[in-house]
Amino acid sequence: MRLIALIEGLSYLFLLFIAMPLKYFAGLPQVVTVAGGLHGLFFVLYLIALINVTIADGWKFGRVLFTFVIAFVPFGNFILDSRLRKE
């Protein structure tokens, strides 16, 4: 879970802070197409990992909800990683 969360978080940051500026300021929309597709794949893998740990470790609804919502916050998956590392 931690690994895919970090990969998904990094892909989100790349999309927001590198691909989107390249699209709008450098006229390179294909960067967003590629980065967005990869980020979408990583997000689906993140959801699968979330379902897996929910079932395997018996995560409560609040924790699952927090883990889902934090994926939409820039740098949020790094907060999640620090919490998971403490366990």
C-alpha atoms as a PDB file:
ATOM      1  CA  MET A   1       0.000   0.000   0.000  1.00  0.00           C
ATOM      2  CA  ARG A   2       2.763   2.414   0.901  1.00  0.00           C
ATOM      3  CA  LEU A   3       4.604   1.877  -2.379  1.00  0.00           C
ATOM      4  CA  ILE A   4       1.616   2.402  -4.639  1.00  0.00           C
ATOM      5  CA  ALA A   5       0.511   5.376  -2.523  1.00  0.00           C
ATOM      6  CA  LEU A   6       3.892   7.026  -3.059  1.00  0.00           C
ATOM      7  CA  ILE A   7       3.906   6.270  -6.776  1.00  0.00           C
ATOM      8  CA  GLU A   8       0.355   7.604  -7.139  1.00  0.00           C
ATOM      9  CA  GLY A   9       1.245  10.708  -5.122  1.00  0.00           C
ATOM     10  CA  LEU A  10       4.323  11.400  -7.227  1.00  0.00           C
ATOM     11  CA  SER A  11       2.365  10.961 -10.450  1.00  0.00           C
ATOM     12  CA  TYR A  12      -0.259  13.418  -9.153  1.00  0.00           C
ATOM     13  CA  LEU A  13       2.413  15.992  -8.339  1.00  0.00           C
ATOM     14  CA  PHE A  14       4.033  15.495 -11.738  1.00  0.00           C
ATOM     15  CA  LEU A  15       0.662  16.004 -13.405  1.00  0.00           C
ATOM     16  CA  LEU A  16      -0.136  19.150 -11.416  1.00  0.00           C
ATOM     17  CA  PHE A  17       3.230  20.871 -11.273  1.00  0.00           C
ATOM     18  CA  ILE A  18       5.036  19.744 -14.420  1.00  0.00           C
ATOM     19  CA  ALA A  19       2.601  18.431 -17.037  1.00  0.00           C
ATOM     20  CA  MET A  20      -0.103  21.068 -16.592  1.00  0.00           C
ATOM     21  CA  PRO A  21       2.325  24.027 -16.798  1.00  0.00           C
ATOM     22  CA  LEU A  22       3.913  22.453 -19.871  1.00  0.00           C
ATOM     23  CA  LYS A  23       0.482  22.195 -21.452  1.00  0.00           C
ATOM     24  CA  TYR A  24      -0.564  25.777 -20.770  1.00  0.00           C
ATOM     25  CA  PHE A  25       2.732  27.652 -20.889  1.00  0.00           C
ATOM     26  CA  ALA A  26       4.753  25.644 -23.407  1.00  0.00           C
ATOM     27  CA  GLY A  27       1.942  24.393 -25.644  1.00  0.00           C
ATOM     28  CA  LEU A  28       2.664  20.711 -25.025  1.00  0.00           C
ATOM     29  CA  PRO A  29      -0.713  19.064 -24.345  1.00  0.00           C
ATOM     30  CA  GLN A  30       0.651  15.594 -25.106  1.00  0.00           C
ATOM     31  CA  VAL A  31       2.555  15.660 -21.789  1.00  0.00           C
ATOM     32  CA  VAL A  32      -0.772  15.853 -19.921  1.00  0.00           C
ATOM     33  CA  THR A  33      -2.174  13.047 -22.064  1.00  0.00           C
ATOM     34  CA  VAL A  34       0.665  10.702 -21.144  1.00  0.00           C
ATOM     35  CA  ALA A  35       1.015  11.818 -17.510  1.00  0.00           C
ATOM     36  CA  GLY A  36      -2.757  11.792 -17.011  1.00  0.00           C
ATOM     37  CA  GLY A  37      -3.053   8.271 -18.386  1.00  0.00           C
ATOM     38  CA  LEU A  38      -0.278   7.004 -16.149  1.00  0.00           C
ATOM     39  CA  HIS A  39      -1.730   8.795 -13.139  1.00  0.00           C
ATOM     40  CA  GLY A  40      -5.119   7.231 -13.872  1.00  0.00           C
ATOM     41  CA  LEU A  41      -3.534   3.786 -13.957  1.00  0.00           C
ATOM     42  CA  PHE A  42      -1.708   4.425 -10.690  1.00  0.00           C
ATOM     43  CA  PHE A  43      -4.915   5.709  -9.079  1.00  0.00           C
ATOM     44  CA  VAL A  44      -6.764   2.526 -10.061  1.00  0.00           C
ATOM     45  CA  LEU A  45      -3.900   0.466  -8.595  1.00  0.00           C
ATOM     46  CA  TYR A  46      -4.123   2.629  -5.457  1.00  0.00           C
ATOM     47  CA  LEU A  47      -7.835   1.842  -5.150  1.00  0.00           C
ATOM     48  CA  ILE A  48      -7.166  -1.877  -5.632  1.00  0.00           C
ATOM     49  CA  ALA A  49      -4.479  -1.728  -2.924  1.00  0.00           C
ATOM     50  CA  LEU A  50      -6.916   0.127  -0.653  1.00  0.00           C
ATOM     51  CA  ILE A  51      -9.557  -2.549  -1.166  1.00  0.00           C
ATOM     52  CA  ASN A  52      -6.939  -5.228  -0.534  1.00  0.00           C
ATOM     53  CA  VAL A  53      -5.720  -3.793   2.781  1.00  0.00           C
ATOM     54  CA  THR A  54      -9.291  -3.067   3.855  1.00  0.00           C
ATOM     55  CA  ILE A  55     -10.185  -6.722   3.446  1.00  0.00           C
ATOM     56  CA  ALA A  56      -6.875  -8.222   4.602  1.00  0.00           C
ATOM     57  CA  ASP A  57      -6.284  -5.974   7.620  1.00  0.00           C
ATOM     58  CA  GLY A  58      -9.887  -5.121   8.497  1.00  0.00           C
ATOM     59  CA  TRP A  59      -9.545  -1.365   8.172  1.00  0.00           C
ATOM     60  CA  LYS A  60     -12.451   0.618   9.612  1.00  0.00           C
ATOM     61  CA  PHE A  61     -14.598   2.871   7.419  1.00  0.00           C
ATOM     62  CA  GLY A  62     -13.069   6.115   8.731  1.00  0.00           C
ATOM     63  CA  ARG A  63      -9.565   4.997   7.896  1.00  0.00           C
ATOM     64  CA  VAL A  64     -10.606   3.836   4.426  1.00  0.00           C
ATOM     65  CA  LEU A  65     -12.366   7.159   3.811  1.00  0.00           C
ATOM     66  CA  PHE A  66      -9.308   9.121   4.989  1.00  0.00           C
ATOM     67  CA  THR A  67      -7.034   7.050   2.737  1.00  0.00           C
ATOM     68  CA  PHE A  68      -9.331   7.640  -0.241  1.00  0.00           C
ATOM     69  CA  VAL A  69      -9.760  11.386   0.309  1.00  0.00           C
ATOM     70  CA  ILE A  70      -6.065  12.049   1.008  1.00  0.00           C
ATOM     71  CA  ALA A  71      -5.243  10.909  -2.542  1.00  0.00           C
ATOM     72  CA  PHE A  72      -6.916  14.073  -3.863  1.00  0.00           C
ATOM     73  CA  VAL A  73      -4.766  16.396  -1.753  1.00  0.00           C
ATOM     74  CA  PRO A  74      -1.403  17.409  -3.221  1.00  0.00           C
ATOM     75  CA  PHE A  75       1.327  15.882  -1.031  1.00  0.00           C
ATOM     76  CA  GLY A  76      -1.422  13.994   0.830  1.00  0.00           C
ATOM     77  CA  ASN A  77      -0.005  10.564   0.096  1.00  0.00           C
ATOM     78  CA  PHE A  78       3.203  11.566   1.868  1.00  0.00           C
ATOM     79  CA  ILE A  79       1.141  12.283   4.989  1.00  0.00           C
ATOM     80  CA  LEU A  80      -0.467   8.872   4.560  1.00  0.00           C
ATOM     81  CA  ASP A  81       2.940   7.245   4.167  1.00  0.00           C
ATOM     82  CA  SER A  82       4.212   8.737   7.412  1.00  0.00           C
ATOM     83  CA  ARG A  83       1.145   7.396   9.234  1.00  0.00           C
ATOM     84  CA  LEU A  84       1.474   3.945   7.685  1.00  0.00           C
ATOM     85  CA  ARG A  85       5.209   3.820   8.425  1.00  0.00           C
ATOM     86  CA  LYS A  86       4.494   4.332  12.136  1.00  0.00           C
ATOM     87  CA  GLU A  87       2.506   1.094  12.225  1.00  0.00           C
END
